[in-house]
Amino acid sequence: MTLTIREAAEYSNIGINKIDSLLRTPNCPFVLYVGTKKLVKRKEFEEFISNKLII
C-alpha cells in the first residue's frame, strides 16, 4: 500500500533525491507522513507518474 522513498525509487526508476523533492512540494497527492517519516502512497504515485510527460 505504501513504499519507502528507496522502494519508490527502485520501483519507478526515478532517483531518490527527485522523489524526495516531489514529496516536499505543497499538496503532494502521494505523500503520507508517519511521524517524521515520509512514505509514498503507491496507487497515487502510479497515477501521478502515468499523467506526467516530464518529471
PDB file of N, CA and C in Angstrom:
ATOM      1  N   MET A   1       0.818  -1.193   0.000  1.00  0.00           N
ATOM      2  CA  MET A   1       0.000   0.000   0.000  1.00  0.00           C
ATOM      3  C   MET A   1       0.863   1.259   0.000  1.00  0.00           C
ATOM      4  N   THR A   2       1.947   1.251   0.776  1.00  0.00           N
ATOM      5  CA  THR A   2       2.879   2.374   0.765  1.00  0.00           C
ATOM      6  C   THR A   2       4.286   1.864   0.506  1.00  0.00           C
ATOM      7  N   LEU A   3       5.125   2.771   0.043  1.00  0.00           N
ATOM      8  CA  LEU A   3       6.517   2.459  -0.234  1.00  0.00           C
ATOM      9  C   LEU A   3       7.408   3.460   0.482  1.00  0.00           C
ATOM     10  N   THR A   4       8.600   3.025   0.851  1.00  0.00           N
ATOM     11  CA  THR A   4       9.587   3.981   1.342  1.00  0.00           C
ATOM     12  C   THR A   4      10.124   4.735   0.127  1.00  0.00           C
ATOM     13  N   ILE A   5      10.876   5.787   0.370  1.00  0.00           N
ATOM     14  CA  ILE A   5      11.446   6.550  -0.737  1.00  0.00           C
ATOM     15  C   ILE A   5      12.382   5.663  -1.555  1.00  0.00           C
ATOM     16  N   ARG A   6      13.174   4.851  -0.890  1.00  0.00           N
ATOM     17  CA  ARG A   6      14.107   3.956  -1.588  1.00  0.00           C
ATOM     18  C   ARG A   6      13.347   2.930  -2.438  1.00  0.00           C
ATOM     19  N   GLU A   7      12.271   2.359  -1.891  1.00  0.00           N
ATOM     20  CA  GLU A   7      11.472   1.392  -2.646  1.00  0.00           C
ATOM     21  C   GLU A   7      10.796   2.055  -3.847  1.00  0.00           C
ATOM     22  N   ALA A   8      10.296   3.280  -3.647  1.00  0.00           N
ATOM     23  CA  ALA A   8       9.655   4.004  -4.743  1.00  0.00           C
ATOM     24  C   ALA A   8      10.658   4.315  -5.847  1.00  0.00           C
ATOM     25  N   ALA A   9      11.895   4.613  -5.477  1.00  0.00           N
ATOM     26  CA  ALA A   9      12.932   4.892  -6.467  1.00  0.00           C
ATOM     27  C   ALA A   9      13.240   3.637  -7.285  1.00  0.00           C
ATOM     28  N   GLU A  10      13.361   2.500  -6.638  1.00  0.00           N
ATOM     29  CA  GLU A  10      13.625   1.251  -7.351  1.00  0.00           C
ATOM     30  C   GLU A  10      12.425   0.859  -8.219  1.00  0.00           C
ATOM     31  N   TYR A  11      11.242   1.075  -7.711  1.00  0.00           N
ATOM     32  CA  TYR A  11      10.004   0.703  -8.403  1.00  0.00           C
ATOM     33  C   TYR A  11       9.799   1.528  -9.677  1.00  0.00           C
ATOM     34  N   SER A  12      10.153   2.815  -9.623  1.00  0.00           N
ATOM     35  CA  SER A  12       9.839   3.713 -10.724  1.00  0.00           C
ATOM     36  C   SER A  12      11.039   4.127 -11.561  1.00  0.00           C
ATOM     37  N   ASN A  13      12.249   3.750 -11.147  1.00  0.00           N
ATOM     38  CA  ASN A  13      13.483   4.175 -11.815  1.00  0.00           C
ATOM     39  C   ASN A  13      13.650   5.689 -11.806  1.00  0.00           C
ATOM     40  N   ILE A  14      13.145   6.326 -10.773  1.00  0.00           N
ATOM     41  CA  ILE A  14      13.352   7.750 -10.532  1.00  0.00           C
ATOM     42  C   ILE A  14      14.288   7.846  -9.342  1.00  0.00           C
ATOM     43  N   GLY A  15      15.181   8.817  -9.365  1.00  0.00           N
ATOM     44  CA  GLY A  15      16.167   8.948  -8.303  1.00  0.00           C
ATOM     45  C   GLY A  15      15.557   9.277  -6.948  1.00  0.00           C
ATOM     46  N   ILE A  16      16.277   8.893  -5.902  1.00  0.00           N
ATOM     47  CA  ILE A  16      15.822   9.136  -4.524  1.00  0.00           C
ATOM     48  C   ILE A  16      15.674  10.627  -4.258  1.00  0.00           C
ATOM     49  N   ASN A  17      16.642  11.419  -4.706  1.00  0.00           N
ATOM     50  CA  ASN A  17      16.585  12.868  -4.467  1.00  0.00           C
ATOM     51  C   ASN A  17      15.403  13.507  -5.184  1.00  0.00           C
ATOM     52  N   LYS A  18      15.098  13.056  -6.389  1.00  0.00           N
ATOM     53  CA  LYS A  18      13.964  13.603  -7.141  1.00  0.00           C
ATOM     54  C   LYS A  18      12.646  13.256  -6.453  1.00  0.00           C
ATOM     55  N   ILE A  19      12.506  12.023  -5.993  1.00  0.00           N
ATOM     56  CA  ILE A  19      11.284  11.629  -5.292  1.00  0.00           C
ATOM     57  C   ILE A  19      11.142  12.424  -4.001  1.00  0.00           C
ATOM     58  N   ASP A  20      12.244  12.612  -3.290  1.00  0.00           N
ATOM     59  CA  ASP A  20      12.206  13.390  -2.053  1.00  0.00           C
ATOM     60  C   ASP A  20      11.778  14.825  -2.337  1.00  0.00           C
ATOM     61  N   SER A  21      12.262  15.412  -3.422  1.00  0.00           N
ATOM     62  CA  SER A  21      11.852  16.784  -3.754  1.00  0.00           C
ATOM     63  C   SER A  21      10.378  16.837  -4.156  1.00  0.00           C
ATOM     64  N   LEU A  22       9.889  15.793  -4.849  1.00  0.00           N
ATOM     65  CA  LEU A  22       8.461  15.741  -5.185  1.00  0.00           C
ATOM     66  C   LEU A  22       7.603  15.642  -3.925  1.00  0.00           C
ATOM     67  N   LEU A  23       8.076  14.872  -2.932  1.00  0.00           N
ATOM     68  CA  LEU A  23       7.315  14.715  -1.687  1.00  0.00           C
ATOM     69  C   LEU A  23       7.270  16.008  -0.888  1.00  0.00           C
ATOM     70  N   ARG A  24       8.259  16.887  -1.070  1.00  0.00           N
ATOM     71  CA  ARG A  24       8.299  18.151  -0.340  1.00  0.00           C
ATOM     72  C   ARG A  24       7.438  19.244  -0.963  1.00  0.00           C
ATOM     73  N   THR A  25       6.919  19.011  -2.173  1.00  0.00           N
ATOM     74  CA  THR A  25       6.080  20.035  -2.798  1.00  0.00           C
ATOM     75  C   THR A  25       4.766  20.177  -2.035  1.00  0.00           C
ATOM     76  N   PRO A  26       4.234  21.395  -1.971  1.00  0.00           N
ATOM     77  CA  PRO A  26       2.964  21.591  -1.256  1.00  0.00           C
ATOM     78  C   PRO A  26       1.838  20.787  -1.904  1.00  0.00           C
ATOM     79  N   ASN A  27       0.993  20.226  -1.076  1.00  0.00           N
ATOM     80  CA  ASN A  27      -0.176  19.447  -1.518  1.00  0.00           C
ATOM     81  C   ASN A  27       0.194  18.265  -2.410  1.00  0.00           C
ATOM     82  N   CYS A  28       1.298  17.614  -2.106  1.00  0.00           N
ATOM     83  CA  CYS A  28       1.702  16.424  -2.850  1.00  0.00           C
ATOM     84  C   CYS A  28       0.644  15.342  -2.634  1.00  0.00           C
ATOM     85  N   PRO A  29       0.081  14.785  -3.720  1.00  0.00           N
ATOM     86  CA  PRO A  29      -1.034  13.848  -3.562  1.00  0.00           C
ATOM     87  C   PRO A  29      -0.642  12.451  -3.093  1.00  0.00           C
ATOM     88  N   PHE A  30       0.653  12.137  -3.066  1.00  0.00           N
ATOM     89  CA  PHE A  30       1.051  10.772  -2.747  1.00  0.00           C
ATOM     90  C   PHE A  30       1.975  10.657  -1.551  1.00  0.00           C
ATOM     91  N   VAL A  31       2.061  11.695  -0.721  1.00  0.00           N
ATOM     92  CA  VAL A  31       2.900  11.619   0.479  1.00  0.00           C
ATOM     93  C   VAL A  31       2.034  11.248   1.684  1.00  0.00           C
ATOM     94  N   LEU A  32       2.591  10.416   2.550  1.00  0.00           N
ATOM     95  CA  LEU A  32       1.947  10.037   3.801  1.00  0.00           C
ATOM     96  C   LEU A  32       2.980  10.180   4.901  1.00  0.00           C
ATOM     97  N   TYR A  33       2.701  11.027   5.873  1.00  0.00           N
ATOM     98  CA  TYR A  33       3.619  11.239   6.994  1.00  0.00           C
ATOM     99  C   TYR A  33       3.253  10.305   8.143  1.00  0.00           C
ATOM    100  N   VAL A  34       4.230   9.563   8.612  1.00  0.00           N
ATOM    101  CA  VAL A  34       4.085   8.733   9.810  1.00  0.00           C
ATOM    102  C   VAL A  34       5.121   9.275  10.780  1.00  0.00           C
ATOM    103  N   GLY A  35       4.668  10.167  11.659  1.00  0.00           N
ATOM    104  CA  GLY A  35       5.619  10.895  12.488  1.00  0.00           C
ATOM    105  C   GLY A  35       6.427  11.813  11.592  1.00  0.00           C
ATOM    106  N   THR A  36       7.736  11.647  11.587  1.00  0.00           N
ATOM    107  CA  THR A  36       8.593  12.441  10.705  1.00  0.00           C
ATOM    108  C   THR A  36       8.988  11.678   9.445  1.00  0.00           C
ATOM    109  N   LYS A  37       8.595  10.419   9.355  1.00  0.00           N
ATOM    110  CA  LYS A  37       8.943   9.582   8.202  1.00  0.00           C
ATOM    111  C   LYS A  37       7.965   9.836   7.065  1.00  0.00           C
ATOM    112  N   LYS A  38       8.498   9.966   5.851  1.00  0.00           N
ATOM    113  CA  LYS A  38       7.666  10.164   4.670  1.00  0.00           C
ATOM    114  C   LYS A  38       7.541   8.845   3.930  1.00  0.00           C
ATOM    115  N   LEU A  39       6.307   8.460   3.633  1.00  0.00           N
ATOM    116  CA  LEU A  39       6.035   7.268   2.845  1.00  0.00           C
ATOM    117  C   LEU A  39       5.308   7.679   1.563  1.00  0.00           C
ATOM    118  N   VAL A  40       5.396   6.831   0.558  1.00  0.00           N
ATOM    119  CA  VAL A  40       4.786   7.108  -0.743  1.00  0.00           C
ATOM    120  C   VAL A  40       3.569   6.209  -0.903  1.00  0.00           C
ATOM    121  N   LYS A  41       2.419   6.821  -1.168  1.00  0.00           N
ATOM    122  CA  LYS A  41       1.207   6.055  -1.452  1.00  0.00           C
ATOM    123  C   LYS A  41       1.336   5.506  -2.869  1.00  0.00           C
ATOM    124  N   ARG A  42       1.405   4.188  -3.003  1.00  0.00           N
ATOM    125  CA  ARG A  42       1.736   3.547  -4.266  1.00  0.00           C
ATOM    126  C   ARG A  42       0.726   3.860  -5.376  1.00  0.00           C
ATOM    127  N   LYS A  43      -0.550   3.707  -5.100  1.00  0.00           N
ATOM    128  CA  LYS A  43      -1.571   3.910  -6.126  1.00  0.00           C
ATOM    129  C   LYS A  43      -1.562   5.348  -6.654  1.00  0.00           C
ATOM    130  N   GLU A  44      -1.511   6.319  -5.737  1.00  0.00           N
ATOM    131  CA  GLU A  44      -1.500   7.724  -6.132  1.00  0.00           C
ATOM    132  C   GLU A  44      -0.209   8.076  -6.869  1.00  0.00           C
ATOM    133  N   PHE A  45       0.903   7.464  -6.445  1.00  0.00           N
ATOM    134  CA  PHE A  45       2.194   7.683  -7.100  1.00  0.00           C
ATOM    135  C   PHE A  45       2.159   7.164  -8.537  1.00  0.00           C
ATOM    136  N   GLU A  46       1.575   5.991  -8.749  1.00  0.00           N
ATOM    137  CA  GLU A  46       1.451   5.437 -10.095  1.00  0.00           C
ATOM    138  C   GLU A  46       0.593   6.334 -10.983  1.00  0.00           C
ATOM    139  N   GLU A  47      -0.513   6.846 -10.437  1.00  0.00           N
ATOM    140  CA  GLU A  47      -1.381   7.743 -11.198  1.00  0.00           C
ATOM    141  C   GLU A  47      -0.649   9.036 -11.541  1.00  0.00           C
ATOM    142  N   PHE A  48       0.124   9.565 -10.586  1.00  0.00           N
ATOM    143  CA  PHE A  48       0.885  10.793 -10.810  1.00  0.00           C
ATOM    144  C   PHE A  48       1.879  10.591 -11.954  1.00  0.00           C
ATOM    145  N   ILE A  49       2.596   9.482 -11.938  1.00  0.00           N
ATOM    146  CA  ILE A  49       3.598   9.198 -12.965  1.00  0.00           C
ATOM    147  C   ILE A  49       2.932   8.988 -14.333  1.00  0.00           C
ATOM    148  N   SER A  50       1.818   8.281 -14.353  1.00  0.00           N
ATOM    149  CA  SER A  50       1.171   7.998 -15.625  1.00  0.00           C
ATOM    150  C   SER A  50       0.600   9.264 -16.275  1.00  0.00           C
ATOM    151  N   ASN A  51       0.294  10.281 -15.478  1.00  0.00           N
ATOM    152  CA  ASN A  51      -0.250  11.530 -16.023  1.00  0.00           C
ATOM    153  C   ASN A  51       0.821  12.540 -16.400  1.00  0.00           C
ATOM    154  N   LYS A  52       2.080  12.290 -16.046  1.00  0.00           N
ATOM    155  CA  LYS A  52       3.167  13.229 -16.330  1.00  0.00           C
ATOM    156  C   LYS A  52       3.909  12.824 -17.582  1.00  0.00           C
ATOM    157  N   LEU A  53       4.320  13.809 -18.353  1.00  0.00           N
ATOM    158  CA  LEU A  53       5.145  13.572 -19.519  1.00  0.00           C
ATOM    159  C   LEU A  53       6.617  13.769 -19.172  1.00  0.00           C
ATOM    160  N   ILE A  54       6.891  14.762 -18.312  1.00  0.00           N
ATOM    161  CA  ILE A  54       8.259  15.059 -17.867  1.00  0.00           C
ATOM    162  C   ILE A  54       8.244  15.215 -16.357  1.00  0.00           C
ATOM    163  N   ILE A  55       9.219  14.575 -15.707  1.00  0.00           N
ATOM    164  CA  ILE A  55       9.345  14.711 -14.247  1.00  0.00           C
ATOM    165  C   ILE A  55      10.673  15.362 -13.962  1.00  0.00           C
TER     166      ILE A  55
END
